[in-house]
Amino acid sequence: MSRPGRRWRRGVPGEDVPPTPVGEALAEIGAELGLSDPSAIRALTTRWSEVVGDAIAQHARVHSLRGTVLTVAVDAGAWATQLRYLEHDVLQRITAIVGDGVVTEMRVVVDAHNGRDAPQ
């Protein structure tokens, strides 16, 4: 039994139904889970220094994109304050990269490790 919203269908015996490309299947599953297009995250992480500048990029990273809300993790509260102050400009730069309506809000969280290994 298929779930509503899915495009799964049983093939008719003898019918040759082409397979769904993996990228398309993952994007569809992600959409069902409330995740955004993986290409948007990839574009943002690849061009993050361009979006926030080199200094901030050393202390902040793209954490997730759920719906249209981008979550950014920073390594200290001062960087969170800086990003919140620059939010309007950052959102404009993001829109220029990923398109209108893909990211409409930015959430900043402090993560002391910020995806890096803890000091030994």
N, C-alpha and C. Protein backbone atom coordinates (compact mmCIF):
# COMPACT_ATOMS: atom_id res chain seq x y z
N MET A 1 0.84 -1.18 0.00
CA MET A 1 0.00 0.00 0.00
C MET A 1 0.89 1.24 0.00
N SER A 2 0.61 2.18 -0.89
CA SER A 2 1.47 3.36 -0.96
C SER A 2 0.90 4.48 -0.12
N ARG A 3 1.78 5.35 0.34
CA ARG A 3 1.37 6.48 1.15
C ARG A 3 0.91 7.61 0.25
N PRO A 4 0.00 8.47 0.74
CA PRO A 4 -0.44 9.61 -0.06
C PRO A 4 0.75 10.51 -0.38
N GLY A 5 0.75 11.07 -1.58
CA GLY A 5 1.81 11.99 -1.96
C GLY A 5 2.97 11.32 -2.67
N ARG A 6 3.11 10.03 -2.50
CA ARG A 6 4.19 9.32 -3.19
C ARG A 6 3.76 8.96 -4.59
N ARG A 7 4.73 8.90 -5.47
CA ARG A 7 4.43 8.58 -6.85
C ARG A 7 4.68 7.12 -7.17
N TRP A 8 4.73 6.30 -6.15
CA TRP A 8 4.97 4.87 -6.37
C TRP A 8 3.75 4.26 -7.05
N ARG A 9 4.01 3.36 -7.96
CA ARG A 9 2.90 2.63 -8.55
C ARG A 9 3.42 1.26 -8.95
N ARG A 10 2.55 0.35 -8.90
CA ARG A 10 2.94 -1.00 -9.29
C ARG A 10 2.91 -1.09 -10.79
N GLY A 11 3.89 -1.77 -11.31
CA GLY A 11 3.93 -1.96 -12.75
C GLY A 11 2.93 -3.01 -13.19
N VAL A 12 2.46 -2.83 -14.37
CA VAL A 12 1.57 -3.82 -14.98
C VAL A 12 2.46 -4.93 -15.51
N PRO A 13 2.08 -6.19 -15.30
CA PRO A 13 2.92 -7.26 -15.81
C PRO A 13 3.23 -7.05 -17.29
N GLY A 14 4.52 -7.15 -17.61
CA GLY A 14 4.96 -6.98 -18.99
C GLY A 14 5.29 -5.53 -19.33
N GLU A 15 4.93 -4.57 -18.44
CA GLU A 15 5.23 -3.16 -18.70
C GLU A 15 6.64 -2.85 -18.22
N ASP A 16 7.38 -2.13 -19.01
CA ASP A 16 8.75 -1.76 -18.65
C ASP A 16 8.73 -0.36 -18.05
N VAL A 17 8.81 -0.27 -16.71
CA VAL A 17 8.79 1.02 -16.00
C VAL A 17 10.23 1.41 -15.70
N PRO A 18 10.69 2.56 -16.19
CA PRO A 18 12.08 2.96 -15.94
C PRO A 18 12.31 3.24 -14.45
N PRO A 19 13.50 2.95 -13.95
CA PRO A 19 13.79 3.22 -12.54
C PRO A 19 13.88 4.72 -12.28
N THR A 20 13.59 5.10 -11.05
CA THR A 20 13.70 6.49 -10.63
C THR A 20 15.16 6.78 -10.32
N PRO A 21 15.72 7.86 -10.85
CA PRO A 21 17.10 8.21 -10.51
C PRO A 21 17.26 8.41 -9.01
N VAL A 22 18.41 8.02 -8.47
CA VAL A 22 18.65 8.09 -7.03
C VAL A 22 18.50 9.51 -6.51
N GLY A 23 19.06 10.49 -7.21
CA GLY A 23 18.96 11.89 -6.76
C GLY A 23 17.52 12.35 -6.66
N GLU A 24 16.70 11.96 -7.62
CA GLU A 24 15.29 12.32 -7.61
C GLU A 24 14.56 11.64 -6.45
N ALA A 25 14.88 10.36 -6.21
CA ALA A 25 14.26 9.63 -5.11
C ALA A 25 14.64 10.24 -3.76
N LEU A 26 15.93 10.59 -3.59
CA LEU A 26 16.37 11.19 -2.34
C LEU A 26 15.73 12.56 -2.12
N ALA A 27 15.62 13.36 -3.18
CA ALA A 27 14.97 14.67 -3.06
C ALA A 27 13.51 14.50 -2.65
N GLU A 28 12.84 13.49 -3.21
CA GLU A 28 11.44 13.25 -2.88
C GLU A 28 11.28 12.81 -1.41
N ILE A 29 12.15 11.93 -0.97
CA ILE A 29 12.10 11.48 0.43
C ILE A 29 12.42 12.64 1.36
N GLY A 30 13.44 13.43 1.00
CA GLY A 30 13.78 14.61 1.81
C GLY A 30 12.64 15.58 1.93
N ALA A 31 11.92 15.80 0.83
CA ALA A 31 10.76 16.70 0.86
C ALA A 31 9.69 16.18 1.80
N GLU A 32 9.49 14.85 1.80
CA GLU A 32 8.50 14.26 2.71
C GLU A 32 8.90 14.45 4.17
N LEU A 33 10.22 14.50 4.43
CA LEU A 33 10.72 14.67 5.79
C LEU A 33 10.88 16.14 6.17
N GLY A 34 10.55 17.05 5.25
CA GLY A 34 10.68 18.47 5.54
C GLY A 34 12.06 19.02 5.25
N LEU A 35 12.90 18.24 4.57
CA LEU A 35 14.24 18.69 4.23
C LEU A 35 14.18 19.43 2.89
N SER A 36 15.10 20.32 2.70
CA SER A 36 15.14 21.08 1.46
C SER A 36 15.99 20.37 0.42
N ASP A 37 15.98 20.92 -0.78
CA ASP A 37 16.74 20.38 -1.89
C ASP A 37 18.22 20.30 -1.52
N PRO A 38 18.83 19.12 -1.65
CA PRO A 38 20.25 18.97 -1.29
C PRO A 38 21.17 19.90 -2.09
N SER A 39 20.78 20.27 -3.28
CA SER A 39 21.64 21.14 -4.07
C SER A 39 21.74 22.54 -3.44
N ALA A 40 20.71 22.97 -2.72
CA ALA A 40 20.75 24.27 -2.05
C ALA A 40 21.77 24.24 -0.91
N ILE A 41 21.76 23.17 -0.13
CA ILE A 41 22.74 23.03 0.97
C ILE A 41 24.14 22.97 0.39
N ARG A 42 24.31 22.20 -0.67
CA ARG A 42 25.63 22.05 -1.29
C ARG A 42 26.13 23.41 -1.78
N ALA A 43 25.26 24.18 -2.43
CA ALA A 43 25.65 25.50 -2.93
C ALA A 43 26.04 26.43 -1.78
N LEU A 44 25.27 26.38 -0.69
CA LEU A 44 25.57 27.25 0.45
C LEU A 44 26.86 26.86 1.14
N THR A 45 27.09 25.58 1.35
CA THR A 45 28.31 25.16 2.03
C THR A 45 29.54 25.43 1.15
N THR A 46 29.40 25.24 -0.14
CA THR A 46 30.51 25.48 -1.05
C THR A 46 30.87 26.96 -1.13
N ARG A 47 29.87 27.81 -1.08
CA ARG A 47 30.08 29.25 -1.26
C ARG A 47 29.89 30.04 0.04
N TRP A 48 30.02 29.37 1.17
CA TRP A 48 29.74 29.99 2.47
C TRP A 48 30.61 31.22 2.73
N SER A 49 31.90 31.16 2.40
CA SER A 49 32.78 32.32 2.60
C SER A 49 32.31 33.52 1.79
N GLU A 50 31.77 33.26 0.61
CA GLU A 50 31.22 34.32 -0.23
C GLU A 50 29.97 34.94 0.42
N VAL A 51 29.21 34.12 1.12
CA VAL A 51 27.97 34.59 1.75
C VAL A 51 28.26 35.43 2.98
N VAL A 52 29.15 34.96 3.86
CA VAL A 52 29.35 35.64 5.14
C VAL A 52 30.71 36.32 5.29
N GLY A 53 31.61 36.09 4.35
CA GLY A 53 32.96 36.63 4.46
C GLY A 53 33.89 35.63 5.13
N ASP A 54 35.16 35.76 4.85
CA ASP A 54 36.16 34.81 5.35
C ASP A 54 36.25 34.78 6.88
N ALA A 55 36.20 35.94 7.51
CA ALA A 55 36.35 36.00 8.98
C ALA A 55 35.22 35.25 9.68
N ILE A 56 33.98 35.50 9.26
CA ILE A 56 32.84 34.83 9.90
C ILE A 56 32.82 33.35 9.53
N ALA A 57 33.17 33.03 8.30
CA ALA A 57 33.15 31.64 7.83
C ALA A 57 34.08 30.75 8.66
N GLN A 58 35.12 31.33 9.25
CA GLN A 58 36.01 30.54 10.10
C GLN A 58 35.36 30.16 11.43
N HIS A 59 34.27 30.84 11.77
CA HIS A 59 33.61 30.60 13.06
C HIS A 59 32.15 30.17 12.94
N ALA A 60 31.66 30.08 11.71
CA ALA A 60 30.26 29.72 11.49
C ALA A 60 30.17 28.73 10.34
N ARG A 61 29.21 27.81 10.44
CA ARG A 61 29.01 26.85 9.36
C ARG A 61 27.53 26.59 9.17
N VAL A 62 27.19 26.19 7.95
CA VAL A 62 25.81 25.80 7.66
C VAL A 62 25.55 24.51 8.42
N HIS A 63 24.51 24.50 9.21
CA HIS A 63 24.18 23.30 9.99
C HIS A 63 23.07 22.50 9.32
N SER A 64 21.98 23.18 8.95
CA SER A 64 20.87 22.48 8.30
C SER A 64 19.96 23.46 7.59
N LEU A 65 19.13 22.91 6.73
CA LEU A 65 18.10 23.69 6.05
C LEU A 65 16.83 22.87 6.10
N ARG A 66 15.89 23.32 6.92
CA ARG A 66 14.59 22.65 7.07
C ARG A 66 13.52 23.59 6.57
N GLY A 67 12.81 23.14 5.56
CA GLY A 67 11.85 24.04 4.93
C GLY A 67 12.60 25.20 4.35
N THR A 68 12.30 26.40 4.81
CA THR A 68 13.02 27.59 4.33
C THR A 68 13.86 28.23 5.43
N VAL A 69 14.08 27.50 6.53
CA VAL A 69 14.84 28.02 7.66
C VAL A 69 16.25 27.43 7.66
N LEU A 70 17.23 28.30 7.47
CA LEU A 70 18.64 27.90 7.50
C LEU A 70 19.14 28.02 8.93
N THR A 71 19.71 26.94 9.46
CA THR A 71 20.32 26.98 10.78
C THR A 71 21.82 27.04 10.59
N VAL A 72 22.44 28.01 11.26
CA VAL A 72 23.87 28.23 11.20
C VAL A 72 24.43 28.01 12.59
N ALA A 73 25.49 27.20 12.70
CA ALA A 73 26.15 26.96 13.98
C ALA A 73 27.42 27.82 14.05
N VAL A 74 27.58 28.51 15.17
CA VAL A 74 28.76 29.33 15.40
C VAL A 74 29.48 28.83 16.64
N ASP A 75 30.77 29.18 16.76
CA ASP A 75 31.55 28.67 17.89
C ASP A 75 31.55 29.57 19.12
N ALA A 76 30.93 30.75 19.04
CA ALA A 76 30.87 31.64 20.20
C ALA A 76 29.70 32.62 20.04
N GLY A 77 29.21 33.08 21.16
CA GLY A 77 28.07 33.99 21.16
C GLY A 77 28.32 35.27 20.39
N ALA A 78 29.54 35.78 20.40
CA ALA A 78 29.84 37.01 19.68
C ALA A 78 29.59 36.85 18.18
N TRP A 79 29.90 35.67 17.64
CA TRP A 79 29.67 35.42 16.21
C TRP A 79 28.18 35.28 15.93
N ALA A 80 27.43 34.76 16.88
CA ALA A 80 25.98 34.68 16.73
C ALA A 80 25.40 36.08 16.65
N THR A 81 25.86 36.97 17.51
CA THR A 81 25.40 38.35 17.50
C THR A 81 25.74 39.02 16.17
N GLN A 82 26.96 38.80 15.70
CA GLN A 82 27.38 39.38 14.43
C GLN A 82 26.50 38.91 13.28
N LEU A 83 26.23 37.61 13.24
CA LEU A 83 25.40 37.06 12.16
C LEU A 83 23.96 37.58 12.25
N ARG A 84 23.44 37.68 13.45
CA ARG A 84 22.08 38.19 13.60
C ARG A 84 22.00 39.65 13.13
N TYR A 85 23.04 40.41 13.41
CA TYR A 85 23.10 41.80 12.97
C TYR A 85 23.14 41.89 11.44
N LEU A 86 23.81 40.95 10.80
CA LEU A 86 23.97 40.94 9.35
C LEU A 86 22.90 40.11 8.62
N GLU A 87 21.91 39.62 9.35
CA GLU A 87 20.95 38.67 8.79
C GLU A 87 20.33 39.14 7.47
N HIS A 88 19.90 40.36 7.40
CA HIS A 88 19.25 40.86 6.17
C HIS A 88 20.20 40.74 4.97
N ASP A 89 21.44 41.19 5.14
CA ASP A 89 22.43 41.12 4.06
C ASP A 89 22.76 39.68 3.70
N VAL A 90 22.91 38.84 4.71
CA VAL A 90 23.23 37.43 4.47
C VAL A 90 22.10 36.76 3.68
N LEU A 91 20.85 37.02 4.07
CA LEU A 91 19.72 36.43 3.35
C LEU A 91 19.67 36.90 1.90
N GLN A 92 20.03 38.16 1.65
CA GLN A 92 20.07 38.64 0.26
C GLN A 92 21.13 37.90 -0.55
N ARG A 93 22.30 37.68 0.05
CA ARG A 93 23.38 36.95 -0.65
C ARG A 93 22.98 35.50 -0.89
N ILE A 94 22.30 34.91 0.09
CA ILE A 94 21.83 33.53 -0.07
C ILE A 94 20.83 33.44 -1.21
N THR A 95 19.91 34.39 -1.27
CA THR A 95 18.91 34.41 -2.35
C THR A 95 19.59 34.52 -3.71
N ALA A 96 20.64 35.30 -3.79
CA ALA A 96 21.36 35.44 -5.06
C ALA A 96 21.99 34.11 -5.49
N ILE A 97 22.32 33.26 -4.53
CA ILE A 97 22.98 31.98 -4.84
C ILE A 97 21.97 30.86 -5.10
N VAL A 98 20.96 30.72 -4.23
CA VAL A 98 20.06 29.57 -4.34
C VAL A 98 18.68 29.90 -4.89
N GLY A 99 18.39 31.19 -5.05
CA GLY A 99 17.10 31.57 -5.61
C GLY A 99 16.14 32.10 -4.55
N ASP A 100 15.12 32.76 -5.03
CA ASP A 100 14.12 33.40 -4.17
C ASP A 100 13.24 32.35 -3.48
N GLY A 101 13.02 32.54 -2.18
CA GLY A 101 12.11 31.68 -1.43
C GLY A 101 12.72 30.39 -0.92
N VAL A 102 13.96 30.07 -1.28
CA VAL A 102 14.58 28.83 -0.80
C VAL A 102 14.95 28.98 0.68
N VAL A 103 15.52 30.12 1.05
CA VAL A 103 15.84 30.43 2.44
C VAL A 103 15.18 31.77 2.76
N THR A 104 14.28 31.77 3.74
CA THR A 104 13.58 33.00 4.11
C THR A 104 13.91 33.44 5.54
N GLU A 105 14.56 32.56 6.28
CA GLU A 105 14.86 32.85 7.68
C GLU A 105 16.17 32.19 8.05
N MET A 106 16.92 32.84 8.93
CA MET A 106 18.18 32.28 9.41
C MET A 106 18.11 32.14 10.92
N ARG A 107 18.43 30.97 11.40
CA ARG A 107 18.47 30.69 12.84
C ARG A 107 19.92 30.45 13.20
N VAL A 108 20.43 31.11 14.22
CA VAL A 108 21.83 30.97 14.62
C VAL A 108 21.89 30.30 15.98
N VAL A 109 22.70 29.25 16.08
CA VAL A 109 22.88 28.54 17.33
C VAL A 109 24.36 28.50 17.68
N VAL A 110 24.64 28.52 18.98
CA VAL A 110 26.03 28.45 19.44
C VAL A 110 26.36 26.99 19.71
N ASP A 111 27.43 26.54 19.08
CA ASP A 111 27.94 25.19 19.24
C ASP A 111 29.44 25.33 19.46
N ALA A 112 29.88 25.17 20.70
CA ALA A 112 31.29 25.42 21.05
C ALA A 112 32.24 24.60 20.18
N HIS A 113 31.84 23.43 19.75
CA HIS A 113 32.71 22.60 18.90
C HIS A 113 32.54 22.95 17.43
N ASN A 114 31.38 23.46 17.06
CA ASN A 114 31.08 23.91 15.70
C ASN A 114 31.54 22.93 14.63
N GLY A 115 31.32 21.62 14.91
CA GLY A 115 31.67 20.62 13.93
C GLY A 115 33.14 20.26 13.88
N ARG A 116 33.91 20.85 14.76
CA ARG A 116 35.35 20.59 14.79
C ARG A 116 35.66 19.66 15.97
N ASP A 117 36.78 19.01 15.89
CA ASP A 117 37.20 18.14 16.99
C ASP A 117 37.56 18.98 18.20
N ALA A 118 37.25 18.47 19.37
CA ALA A 118 37.61 19.16 20.60
C ALA A 118 39.12 19.14 20.76
N PRO A 119 39.71 20.17 21.38
CA PRO A 119 41.16 20.18 21.59
C PRO A 119 41.61 18.97 22.39
N GLN A 120 42.74 18.46 22.03
CA GLN A 120 43.27 17.28 22.71
C GLN A 120 44.01 17.66 23.97
